[in-house]
Amino acid sequence: KKAYFMIFRSKDSLKESLAKVEAEL
């Protein structure tokens, strides 16, 4: 669920969102 909202509901670019998921989850 956290990954979903970070990737698909963030205003960040897709590349940035994926990097955040990888770093934080």
mmCIF file of all heavy atoms, coordinates in Angstrom:
data_MODEL
# 
_entry.id   MODEL 
# 
loop_
_atom_site.group_PDB 
_atom_site.id 
_atom_site.type_symbol 
_atom_site.label_atom_id 
_atom_site.label_alt_id 
_atom_site.label_comp_id 
_atom_site.label_asym_id 
_atom_site.label_entity_id 
_atom_site.label_seq_id 
_atom_site.pdbx_PDB_ins_code 
_atom_site.Cartn_x 
_atom_site.Cartn_y 
_atom_site.Cartn_z 
_atom_site.occupancy 
_atom_site.B_iso_or_equiv 
_atom_site.pdbx_formal_charge 
_atom_site.auth_seq_id 
_atom_site.auth_comp_id 
_atom_site.auth_asym_id 
_atom_site.auth_atom_id 
_atom_site.pdbx_PDB_model_num 
ATOM 1   N N   . LYS A 1 1  ? 0.835  -1.207 0.000   1.00 0.00 ? 1  LYS A N   1 
ATOM 2   C CA  . LYS A 1 1  ? 0.000  0.000  0.000   1.00 0.00 ? 1  LYS A CA  1 
ATOM 3   C C   . LYS A 1 1  ? 0.869  1.256  0.000   1.00 0.00 ? 1  LYS A C   1 
ATOM 4   O O   . LYS A 1 1  ? 0.609  2.210  -0.746  1.00 0.00 ? 1  LYS A O   1 
ATOM 5   C CB  . LYS A 1 1  ? -0.919 0.005  1.220   1.00 0.00 ? 1  LYS A CB  1 
ATOM 6   C CG  . LYS A 1 1  ? -2.124 -0.909 1.118   1.00 0.00 ? 1  LYS A CG  1 
ATOM 7   C CD  . LYS A 1 1  ? -2.990 -0.777 2.374   1.00 0.00 ? 1  LYS A CD  1 
ATOM 8   C CE  . LYS A 1 1  ? -4.225 -1.664 2.283   1.00 0.00 ? 1  LYS A CE  1 
ATOM 9   N NZ  . LYS A 1 1  ? -5.065 -1.554 3.510   1.00 0.00 ? 1  LYS A NZ  1 
ATOM 10  N N   . LYS A 1 2  ? 1.890  1.242  0.822   1.00 0.00 ? 2  LYS A N   1 
ATOM 11  C CA  . LYS A 1 2  ? 2.802  2.402  0.852   1.00 0.00 ? 2  LYS A CA  1 
ATOM 12  C C   . LYS A 1 2  ? 3.483  2.585  -0.499  1.00 0.00 ? 2  LYS A C   1 
ATOM 13  O O   . LYS A 1 2  ? 3.601  3.709  -1.011  1.00 0.00 ? 2  LYS A O   1 
ATOM 14  C CB  . LYS A 1 2  ? 3.835  2.213  1.958   1.00 0.00 ? 2  LYS A CB  1 
ATOM 15  C CG  . LYS A 1 2  ? 3.262  2.255  3.362   1.00 0.00 ? 2  LYS A CG  1 
ATOM 16  C CD  . LYS A 1 2  ? 4.345  2.027  4.408   1.00 0.00 ? 2  LYS A CD  1 
ATOM 17  C CE  . LYS A 1 2  ? 3.758  2.045  5.812   1.00 0.00 ? 2  LYS A CE  1 
ATOM 18  N NZ  . LYS A 1 2  ? 4.808  1.780  6.847   1.00 0.00 ? 2  LYS A NZ  1 
ATOM 19  N N   . ALA A 1 3  ? 3.937  1.478  -1.078  1.00 0.00 ? 3  ALA A N   1 
ATOM 20  C CA  . ALA A 1 3  ? 4.588  1.554  -2.385  1.00 0.00 ? 3  ALA A CA  1 
ATOM 21  C C   . ALA A 1 3  ? 3.622  2.085  -3.440  1.00 0.00 ? 3  ALA A C   1 
ATOM 22  O O   . ALA A 1 3  ? 4.005  2.921  -4.285  1.00 0.00 ? 3  ALA A O   1 
ATOM 23  C CB  . ALA A 1 3  ? 5.119  0.178  -2.784  1.00 0.00 ? 3  ALA A CB  1 
ATOM 24  N N   . TYR A 1 4  ? 2.381  1.624  -3.401  1.00 0.00 ? 4  TYR A N   1 
ATOM 25  C CA  . TYR A 1 4  ? 1.387  2.076  -4.366  1.00 0.00 ? 4  TYR A CA  1 
ATOM 26  C C   . TYR A 1 4  ? 1.210  3.596  -4.307  1.00 0.00 ? 4  TYR A C   1 
ATOM 27  O O   . TYR A 1 4  ? 1.238  4.284  -5.340  1.00 0.00 ? 4  TYR A O   1 
ATOM 28  C CB  . TYR A 1 4  ? 0.049  1.379  -4.104  1.00 0.00 ? 4  TYR A CB  1 
ATOM 29  C CG  . TYR A 1 4  ? -1.067 1.856  -4.999  1.00 0.00 ? 4  TYR A CG  1 
ATOM 30  C CD1 . TYR A 1 4  ? -1.294 1.262  -6.231  1.00 0.00 ? 4  TYR A CD1 1 
ATOM 31  C CD2 . TYR A 1 4  ? -1.890 2.915  -4.607  1.00 0.00 ? 4  TYR A CD2 1 
ATOM 32  C CE1 . TYR A 1 4  ? -2.311 1.714  -7.063  1.00 0.00 ? 4  TYR A CE1 1 
ATOM 33  C CE2 . TYR A 1 4  ? -2.909 3.367  -5.436  1.00 0.00 ? 4  TYR A CE2 1 
ATOM 34  C CZ  . TYR A 1 4  ? -3.114 2.767  -6.659  1.00 0.00 ? 4  TYR A CZ  1 
ATOM 35  O OH  . TYR A 1 4  ? -4.111 3.231  -7.481  1.00 0.00 ? 4  TYR A OH  1 
ATOM 36  N N   . PHE A 1 5  ? 1.024  4.128  -3.116  1.00 0.00 ? 5  PHE A N   1 
ATOM 37  C CA  . PHE A 1 5  ? 0.795  5.570  -3.003  1.00 0.00 ? 5  PHE A CA  1 
ATOM 38  C C   . PHE A 1 5  ? 2.058  6.361  -3.347  1.00 0.00 ? 5  PHE A C   1 
ATOM 39  O O   . PHE A 1 5  ? 1.962  7.446  -3.939  1.00 0.00 ? 5  PHE A O   1 
ATOM 40  C CB  . PHE A 1 5  ? 0.298  5.912  -1.598  1.00 0.00 ? 5  PHE A CB  1 
ATOM 41  C CG  . PHE A 1 5  ? -1.160 5.617  -1.414  1.00 0.00 ? 5  PHE A CG  1 
ATOM 42  C CD1 . PHE A 1 5  ? -1.582 4.454  -0.778  1.00 0.00 ? 5  PHE A CD1 1 
ATOM 43  C CD2 . PHE A 1 5  ? -2.120 6.490  -1.894  1.00 0.00 ? 5  PHE A CD2 1 
ATOM 44  C CE1 . PHE A 1 5  ? -2.922 4.176  -0.616  1.00 0.00 ? 5  PHE A CE1 1 
ATOM 45  C CE2 . PHE A 1 5  ? -3.471 6.220  -1.744  1.00 0.00 ? 5  PHE A CE2 1 
ATOM 46  C CZ  . PHE A 1 5  ? -3.871 5.061  -1.101  1.00 0.00 ? 5  PHE A CZ  1 
ATOM 47  N N   . MET A 1 6  ? 3.211  5.841  -3.030  1.00 0.00 ? 6  MET A N   1 
ATOM 48  C CA  . MET A 1 6  ? 4.454  6.537  -3.374  1.00 0.00 ? 6  MET A CA  1 
ATOM 49  C C   . MET A 1 6  ? 4.683  6.576  -4.876  1.00 0.00 ? 6  MET A C   1 
ATOM 50  O O   . MET A 1 6  ? 5.197  7.559  -5.418  1.00 0.00 ? 6  MET A O   1 
ATOM 51  C CB  . MET A 1 6  ? 5.635  5.862  -2.680  1.00 0.00 ? 6  MET A CB  1 
ATOM 52  C CG  . MET A 1 6  ? 5.624  6.039  -1.155  1.00 0.00 ? 6  MET A CG  1 
ATOM 53  S SD  . MET A 1 6  ? 6.866  5.028  -0.311  1.00 0.00 ? 6  MET A SD  1 
ATOM 54  C CE  . MET A 1 6  ? 8.367  5.878  -0.792  1.00 0.00 ? 6  MET A CE  1 
ATOM 55  N N   . ILE A 1 7  ? 4.281  5.516  -5.576  1.00 0.00 ? 7  ILE A N   1 
ATOM 56  C CA  . ILE A 1 7  ? 4.528  5.447  -7.018  1.00 0.00 ? 7  ILE A CA  1 
ATOM 57  C C   . ILE A 1 7  ? 3.418  6.110  -7.817  1.00 0.00 ? 7  ILE A C   1 
ATOM 58  O O   . ILE A 1 7  ? 3.676  6.908  -8.731  1.00 0.00 ? 7  ILE A O   1 
ATOM 59  C CB  . ILE A 1 7  ? 4.686  3.976  -7.462  1.00 0.00 ? 7  ILE A CB  1 
ATOM 60  C CG1 . ILE A 1 7  ? 5.911  3.356  -6.807  1.00 0.00 ? 7  ILE A CG1 1 
ATOM 61  C CG2 . ILE A 1 7  ? 4.780  3.880  -8.986  1.00 0.00 ? 7  ILE A CG2 1 
ATOM 62  C CD1 . ILE A 1 7  ? 6.001  1.846  -6.990  1.00 0.00 ? 7  ILE A CD1 1 
ATOM 63  N N   . PHE A 1 8  ? 2.164  5.800  -7.480  1.00 0.00 ? 8  PHE A N   1 
ATOM 64  C CA  . PHE A 1 8  ? 1.059  6.162  -8.355  1.00 0.00 ? 8  PHE A CA  1 
ATOM 65  C C   . PHE A 1 8  ? 0.264  7.373  -7.897  1.00 0.00 ? 8  PHE A C   1 
ATOM 66  O O   . PHE A 1 8  ? -0.583 7.862  -8.645  1.00 0.00 ? 8  PHE A O   1 
ATOM 67  C CB  . PHE A 1 8  ? 0.123  4.966  -8.517  1.00 0.00 ? 8  PHE A CB  1 
ATOM 68  C CG  . PHE A 1 8  ? 0.809  3.758  -9.090  1.00 0.00 ? 8  PHE A CG  1 
ATOM 69  C CD1 . PHE A 1 8  ? 0.977  2.609  -8.328  1.00 0.00 ? 8  PHE A CD1 1 
ATOM 70  C CD2 . PHE A 1 8  ? 1.310  3.771  -10.383 1.00 0.00 ? 8  PHE A CD2 1 
ATOM 71  C CE1 . PHE A 1 8  ? 1.607  1.498  -8.848  1.00 0.00 ? 8  PHE A CE1 1 
ATOM 72  C CE2 . PHE A 1 8  ? 1.953  2.671  -10.910 1.00 0.00 ? 8  PHE A CE2 1 
ATOM 73  C CZ  . PHE A 1 8  ? 2.104  1.527  -10.145 1.00 0.00 ? 8  PHE A CZ  1 
ATOM 74  N N   . ARG A 1 9  ? 0.512  7.863  -6.699  1.00 0.00 ? 9  ARG A N   1 
ATOM 75  C CA  . ARG A 1 9  ? -0.226 9.035  -6.233  1.00 0.00 ? 9  ARG A CA  1 
ATOM 76  C C   . ARG A 1 9  ? 0.701  10.181 -5.833  1.00 0.00 ? 9  ARG A C   1 
ATOM 77  O O   . ARG A 1 9  ? 0.254  11.185 -5.300  1.00 0.00 ? 9  ARG A O   1 
ATOM 78  C CB  . ARG A 1 9  ? -1.138 8.646  -5.061  1.00 0.00 ? 9  ARG A CB  1 
ATOM 79  C CG  . ARG A 1 9  ? -2.249 7.683  -5.462  1.00 0.00 ? 9  ARG A CG  1 
ATOM 80  C CD  . ARG A 1 9  ? -3.209 8.324  -6.446  1.00 0.00 ? 9  ARG A CD  1 
ATOM 81  N NE  . ARG A 1 9  ? -4.192 7.366  -6.957  1.00 0.00 ? 9  ARG A NE  1 
ATOM 82  C CZ  . ARG A 1 9  ? -4.097 6.761  -8.134  1.00 0.00 ? 9  ARG A CZ  1 
ATOM 83  N NH1 . ARG A 1 9  ? -3.059 7.012  -8.926  1.00 0.00 ? 9  ARG A NH1 1 
ATOM 84  N NH2 . ARG A 1 9  ? -5.014 5.917  -8.540  1.00 0.00 ? 9  ARG A NH2 1 
ATOM 85  N N   . SER A 1 10 ? 1.958  10.038 -6.125  1.00 0.00 ? 10 SER A N   1 
ATOM 86  C CA  . SER A 1 10 ? 2.918  11.090 -5.841  1.00 0.00 ? 10 SER A CA  1 
ATOM 87  C C   . SER A 1 10 ? 2.991  12.066 -7.008  1.00 0.00 ? 10 SER A C   1 
ATOM 88  O O   . SER A 1 10 ? 2.710  11.707 -8.154  1.00 0.00 ? 10 SER A O   1 
ATOM 89  C CB  . SER A 1 10 ? 4.304  10.473 -5.585  1.00 0.00 ? 10 SER A CB  1 
ATOM 90  O OG  . SER A 1 10 ? 5.297  11.473 -5.530  1.00 0.00 ? 10 SER A OG  1 
ATOM 91  N N   . LYS A 1 11 ? 3.392  13.299 -6.694  1.00 0.00 ? 11 LYS A N   1 
ATOM 92  C CA  . LYS A 1 11 ? 3.628  14.288 -7.750  1.00 0.00 ? 11 LYS A CA  1 
ATOM 93  C C   . LYS A 1 11 ? 5.044  14.198 -8.293  1.00 0.00 ? 11 LYS A C   1 
ATOM 94  O O   . LYS A 1 11 ? 5.399  14.924 -9.233  1.00 0.00 ? 11 LYS A O   1 
ATOM 95  C CB  . LYS A 1 11 ? 3.349  15.697 -7.214  1.00 0.00 ? 11 LYS A CB  1 
ATOM 96  C CG  . LYS A 1 11 ? 1.886  15.920 -6.844  1.00 0.00 ? 11 LYS A CG  1 
ATOM 97  C CD  . LYS A 1 11 ? 1.643  17.339 -6.362  1.00 0.00 ? 11 LYS A CD  1 
ATOM 98  C CE  . LYS A 1 11 ? 0.172  17.543 -6.022  1.00 0.00 ? 11 LYS A CE  1 
ATOM 99  N NZ  . LYS A 1 11 ? -0.100 18.934 -5.540  1.00 0.00 ? 11 LYS A NZ  1 
ATOM 100 N N   . ASP A 1 12 ? 5.855  13.319 -7.701  1.00 0.00 ? 12 ASP A N   1 
ATOM 101 C CA  . ASP A 1 12 ? 7.212  13.122 -8.206  1.00 0.00 ? 12 ASP A CA  1 
ATOM 102 C C   . ASP A 1 12 ? 7.169  12.395 -9.541  1.00 0.00 ? 12 ASP A C   1 
ATOM 103 O O   . ASP A 1 12 ? 6.177  11.771 -9.911  1.00 0.00 ? 12 ASP A O   1 
ATOM 104 C CB  . ASP A 1 12 ? 8.033  12.294 -7.214  1.00 0.00 ? 12 ASP A CB  1 
ATOM 105 C CG  . ASP A 1 12 ? 8.240  13.010 -5.896  1.00 0.00 ? 12 ASP A CG  1 
ATOM 106 O OD1 . ASP A 1 12 ? 8.288  14.263 -5.892  1.00 0.00 ? 12 ASP A OD1 1 
ATOM 107 O OD2 . ASP A 1 12 ? 8.331  12.320 -4.855  1.00 0.00 ? 12 ASP A OD2 1 
ATOM 108 N N   . SER A 1 13 ? 8.281  12.481 -10.268 1.00 0.00 ? 13 SER A N   1 
ATOM 109 C CA  . SER A 1 13 ? 8.393  11.698 -11.497 1.00 0.00 ? 13 SER A CA  1 
ATOM 110 C C   . SER A 1 13 ? 8.411  10.217 -11.152 1.00 0.00 ? 13 SER A C   1 
ATOM 111 O O   . SER A 1 13 ? 8.698  9.817  -10.018 1.00 0.00 ? 13 SER A O   1 
ATOM 112 C CB  . SER A 1 13 ? 9.667  12.070 -12.251 1.00 0.00 ? 13 SER A CB  1 
ATOM 113 O OG  . SER A 1 13 ? 10.812 11.602 -11.548 1.00 0.00 ? 13 SER A OG  1 
ATOM 114 N N   . LEU A 1 14 ? 8.107  9.390  -12.133 1.00 0.00 ? 14 LEU A N   1 
ATOM 115 C CA  . LEU A 1 14 ? 8.092  7.947  -11.898 1.00 0.00 ? 14 LEU A CA  1 
ATOM 116 C C   . LEU A 1 14 ? 9.477  7.474  -11.465 1.00 0.00 ? 14 LEU A C   1 
ATOM 117 O O   . LEU A 1 14 ? 9.595  6.651  -10.543 1.00 0.00 ? 14 LEU A O   1 
ATOM 118 C CB  . LEU A 1 14 ? 7.647  7.215  -13.161 1.00 0.00 ? 14 LEU A CB  1 
ATOM 119 C CG  . LEU A 1 14 ? 7.476  5.702  -13.037 1.00 0.00 ? 14 LEU A CG  1 
ATOM 120 C CD1 . LEU A 1 14 ? 6.458  5.345  -11.971 1.00 0.00 ? 14 LEU A CD1 1 
ATOM 121 C CD2 . LEU A 1 14 ? 7.060  5.109  -14.386 1.00 0.00 ? 14 LEU A CD2 1 
ATOM 122 N N   . LYS A 1 15 ? 10.504 7.979  -12.083 1.00 0.00 ? 15 LYS A N   1 
ATOM 123 C CA  . LYS A 1 15 ? 11.867 7.580  -11.717 1.00 0.00 ? 15 LYS A CA  1 
ATOM 124 C C   . LYS A 1 15 ? 12.166 7.935  -10.267 1.00 0.00 ? 15 LYS A C   1 
ATOM 125 O O   . LYS A 1 15 ? 12.733 7.125  -9.517  1.00 0.00 ? 15 LYS A O   1 
ATOM 126 C CB  . LYS A 1 15 ? 12.870 8.250  -12.650 1.00 0.00 ? 15 LYS A CB  1 
ATOM 127 C CG  . LYS A 1 15 ? 14.314 7.852  -12.402 1.00 0.00 ? 15 LYS A CG  1 
ATOM 128 C CD  . LYS A 1 15 ? 15.243 8.511  -13.412 1.00 0.00 ? 15 LYS A CD  1 
ATOM 129 C CE  . LYS A 1 15 ? 16.690 8.105  -13.161 1.00 0.00 ? 15 LYS A CE  1 
ATOM 130 N NZ  . LYS A 1 15 ? 17.610 8.754  -14.148 1.00 0.00 ? 15 LYS A NZ  1 
ATOM 131 N N   . GLU A 1 16 ? 11.773 9.135  -9.847  1.00 0.00 ? 16 GLU A N   1 
ATOM 132 C CA  . GLU A 1 16 ? 11.998 9.554  -8.467  1.00 0.00 ? 16 GLU A CA  1 
ATOM 133 C C   . GLU A 1 16 ? 11.186 8.702  -7.490  1.00 0.00 ? 16 GLU A C   1 
ATOM 134 O O   . GLU A 1 16 ? 11.678 8.322  -6.423  1.00 0.00 ? 16 GLU A O   1 
ATOM 135 C CB  . GLU A 1 16 ? 11.641 11.032 -8.309  1.00 0.00 ? 16 GLU A CB  1 
ATOM 136 C CG  . GLU A 1 16 ? 12.576 11.976 -9.047  1.00 0.00 ? 16 GLU A CG  1 
ATOM 137 C CD  . GLU A 1 16 ? 12.057 13.407 -9.064  1.00 0.00 ? 16 GLU A CD  1 
ATOM 138 O OE1 . GLU A 1 16 ? 10.823 13.604 -8.925  1.00 0.00 ? 16 GLU A OE1 1 
ATOM 139 O OE2 . GLU A 1 16 ? 12.880 14.318 -9.206  1.00 0.00 ? 16 GLU A OE2 1 
ATOM 140 N N   . SER A 1 17 ? 9.952  8.405  -7.847  1.00 0.00 ? 17 SER A N   1 
ATOM 141 C CA  . SER A 1 17 ? 9.095  7.606  -6.968  1.00 0.00 ? 17 SER A CA  1 
ATOM 142 C C   . SER A 1 17 ? 9.658  6.210  -6.753  1.00 0.00 ? 17 SER A C   1 
ATOM 143 O O   . SER A 1 17 ? 9.673  5.692  -5.637  1.00 0.00 ? 17 SER A O   1 
ATOM 144 C CB  . SER A 1 17 ? 7.684  7.515  -7.559  1.00 0.00 ? 17 SER A CB  1 
ATOM 145 O OG  . SER A 1 17 ? 7.079  8.790  -7.640  1.00 0.00 ? 17 SER A OG  1 
ATOM 146 N N   . LEU A 1 18 ? 10.128 5.595  -7.829  1.00 0.00 ? 18 LEU A N   1 
ATOM 147 C CA  . LEU A 1 18 ? 10.709 4.259  -7.709  1.00 0.00 ? 18 LEU A CA  1 
ATOM 148 C C   . LEU A 1 18 ? 11.947 4.280  -6.826  1.00 0.00 ? 18 LEU A C   1 
ATOM 149 O O   . LEU A 1 18 ? 12.164 3.373  -6.012  1.00 0.00 ? 18 LEU A O   1 
ATOM 150 C CB  . LEU A 1 18 ? 11.056 3.711  -9.094  1.00 0.00 ? 18 LEU A CB  1 
ATOM 151 C CG  . LEU A 1 18 ? 9.884  3.489  -10.055 1.00 0.00 ? 18 LEU A CG  1 
ATOM 152 C CD1 . LEU A 1 18 ? 10.398 2.992  -11.402 1.00 0.00 ? 18 LEU A CD1 1 
ATOM 153 C CD2 . LEU A 1 18 ? 8.870  2.518  -9.482  1.00 0.00 ? 18 LEU A CD2 1 
ATOM 154 N N   . ALA A 1 19 ? 12.751 5.314  -6.964  1.00 0.00 ? 19 ALA A N   1 
ATOM 155 C CA  . ALA A 1 19 ? 13.957 5.434  -6.139  1.00 0.00 ? 19 ALA A CA  1 
ATOM 156 C C   . ALA A 1 19 ? 13.603 5.593  -4.666  1.00 0.00 ? 19 ALA A C   1 
ATOM 157 O O   . ALA A 1 19 ? 14.265 5.009  -3.788  1.00 0.00 ? 19 ALA A O   1 
ATOM 158 C CB  . ALA A 1 19 ? 14.804 6.607  -6.616  1.00 0.00 ? 19 ALA A CB  1 
ATOM 159 N N   . LYS A 1 20 ? 12.534 6.332  -4.368  1.00 0.00 ? 20 LYS A N   1 
ATOM 160 C CA  . LYS A 1 20 ? 12.113 6.500  -2.978  1.00 0.00 ? 20 LYS A CA  1 
ATOM 161 C C   . LYS A 1 20 ? 11.610 5.189  -2.387  1.00 0.00 ? 20 LYS A C   1 
ATOM 162 O O   . LYS A 1 20 ? 11.918 4.859  -1.230  1.00 0.00 ? 20 LYS A O   1 
ATOM 163 C CB  . LYS A 1 20 ? 11.017 7.567  -2.889  1.00 0.00 ? 20 LYS A CB  1 
ATOM 164 C CG  . LYS A 1 20 ? 11.521 8.996  -3.027  1.00 0.00 ? 20 LYS A CG  1 
ATOM 165 C CD  . LYS A 1 20 ? 10.395 9.988  -2.807  1.00 0.00 ? 20 LYS A CD  1 
ATOM 166 C CE  . LYS A 1 20 ? 10.908 11.425 -2.883  1.00 0.00 ? 20 LYS A CE  1 
ATOM 167 N NZ  . LYS A 1 20 ? 9.813  12.411 -2.668  1.00 0.00 ? 20 LYS A NZ  1 
ATOM 168 N N   . VAL A 1 21 ? 10.829 4.447  -3.156  1.00 0.00 ? 21 VAL A N   1 
ATOM 169 C CA  . VAL A 1 21 ? 10.353 3.144  -2.678  1.00 0.00 ? 21 VAL A CA  1 
ATOM 170 C C   . VAL A 1 21 ? 11.540 2.244  -2.375  1.00 0.00 ? 21 VAL A C   1 
ATOM 171 O O   . VAL A 1 21 ? 11.596 1.564  -1.339  1.00 0.00 ? 21 VAL A O   1 
ATOM 172 C CB  . VAL A 1 21 ? 9.431  2.491  -3.723  1.00 0.00 ? 21 VAL A CB  1 
ATOM 173 C CG1 . VAL A 1 21 ? 9.145  1.036  -3.366  1.00 0.00 ? 21 VAL A CG1 1 
ATOM 174 C CG2 . VAL A 1 21 ? 8.126  3.271  -3.822  1.00 0.00 ? 21 VAL A CG2 1 
ATOM 175 N N   . GLU A 1 22 ? 12.499 2.234  -3.263  1.00 0.00 ? 22 GLU A N   1 
ATOM 176 C CA  . GLU A 1 22 ? 13.673 1.377  -3.086  1.00 0.00 ? 22 GLU A CA  1 
ATOM 177 C C   . GLU A 1 22 ? 14.471 1.786  -1.849  1.00 0.00 ? 22 GLU A C   1 
ATOM 178 O O   . GLU A 1 22 ? 15.008 0.921  -1.131  1.00 0.00 ? 22 GLU A O   1 
ATOM 179 C CB  . GLU A 1 22 ? 14.540 1.473  -4.336  1.00 0.00 ? 22 GLU A CB  1 
ATOM 180 C CG  . GLU A 1 22 ? 15.505 0.339  -4.514  1.00 0.00 ? 22 GLU A CG  1 
ATOM 181 C CD  . GLU A 1 22 ? 16.062 0.318  -5.920  1.00 0.00 ? 22 GLU A CD  1 
ATOM 182 O OE1 . GLU A 1 22 ? 16.386 1.396  -6.461  1.00 0.00 ? 22 GLU A OE1 1 
ATOM 183 O OE2 . GLU A 1 22 ? 16.163 -0.781 -6.480  1.00 0.00 ? 22 GLU A OE2 1 
ATOM 184 N N   . ALA A 1 23 ? 14.520 3.079  -1.575  1.00 0.00 ? 23 ALA A N   1 
ATOM 185 C CA  . ALA A 1 23 ? 15.332 3.560  -0.458  1.00 0.00 ? 23 ALA A CA  1 
ATOM 186 C C   . ALA A 1 23 ? 14.620 3.461  0.885   1.00 0.00 ? 23 ALA A C   1 
ATOM 187 O O   . ALA A 1 23 ? 15.263 3.253  1.922   1.00 0.00 ? 23 ALA A O   1 
ATOM 188 C CB  . ALA A 1 23 ? 15.733 5.020  -0.712  1.00 0.00 ? 23 ALA A CB  1 
ATOM 189 N N   . GLU A 1 24 ? 13.282 3.593  0.883   1.00 0.00 ? 24 GLU A N   1 
ATOM 190 C CA  . GLU A 1 24 ? 12.559 3.766  2.140   1.00 0.00 ? 24 GLU A CA  1 
ATOM 191 C C   . GLU A 1 24 ? 11.757 2.555  2.599   1.00 0.00 ? 24 GLU A C   1 
ATOM 192 O O   . GLU A 1 24 ? 11.421 2.462  3.791   1.00 0.00 ? 24 GLU A O   1 
ATOM 193 C CB  . GLU A 1 24 ? 11.618 4.973  2.012   1.00 0.00 ? 24 GLU A CB  1 
ATOM 194 C CG  . GLU A 1 24 ? 12.353 6.288  1.753   1.00 0.00 ? 24 GLU A CG  1 
ATOM 195 C CD  . GLU A 1 24 ? 11.403 7.453  1.544   1.00 0.00 ? 24 GLU A CD  1 
ATOM 196 O OE1 . GLU A 1 24 ? 10.189 7.312  1.859   1.00 0.00 ? 24 GLU A OE1 1 
ATOM 197 O OE2 . GLU A 1 24 ? 11.858 8.511  1.049   1.00 0.00 ? 24 GLU A OE2 1 
ATOM 198 N N   . LEU A 1 25 ? 11.436 1.627  1.720   1.00 0.00 ? 25 LEU A N   1 
ATOM 199 C CA  . LEU A 1 25 ? 10.572 0.509  2.099   1.00 0.00 ? 25 LEU A CA  1 
ATOM 200 C C   . LEU A 1 25 ? 11.357 -0.794 2.181   1.00 0.00 ? 25 LEU A C   1 
ATOM 201 O O   . LEU A 1 25 ? 12.407 -0.936 1.545   1.00 0.00 ? 25 LEU A O   1 
ATOM 202 C CB  . LEU A 1 25 ? 9.434  0.349  1.079   1.00 0.00 ? 25 LEU A CB  1 
ATOM 203 C CG  . LEU A 1 25 ? 8.442  1.511  0.999   1.00 0.00 ? 25 LEU A CG  1 
ATOM 204 C CD1 . LEU A 1 25 ? 7.327  1.177  0.016   1.00 0.00 ? 25 LEU A CD1 1 
ATOM 205 C CD2 . LEU A 1 25 ? 7.869  1.870  2.356   1.00 0.00 ? 25 LEU A CD2 1 
# 
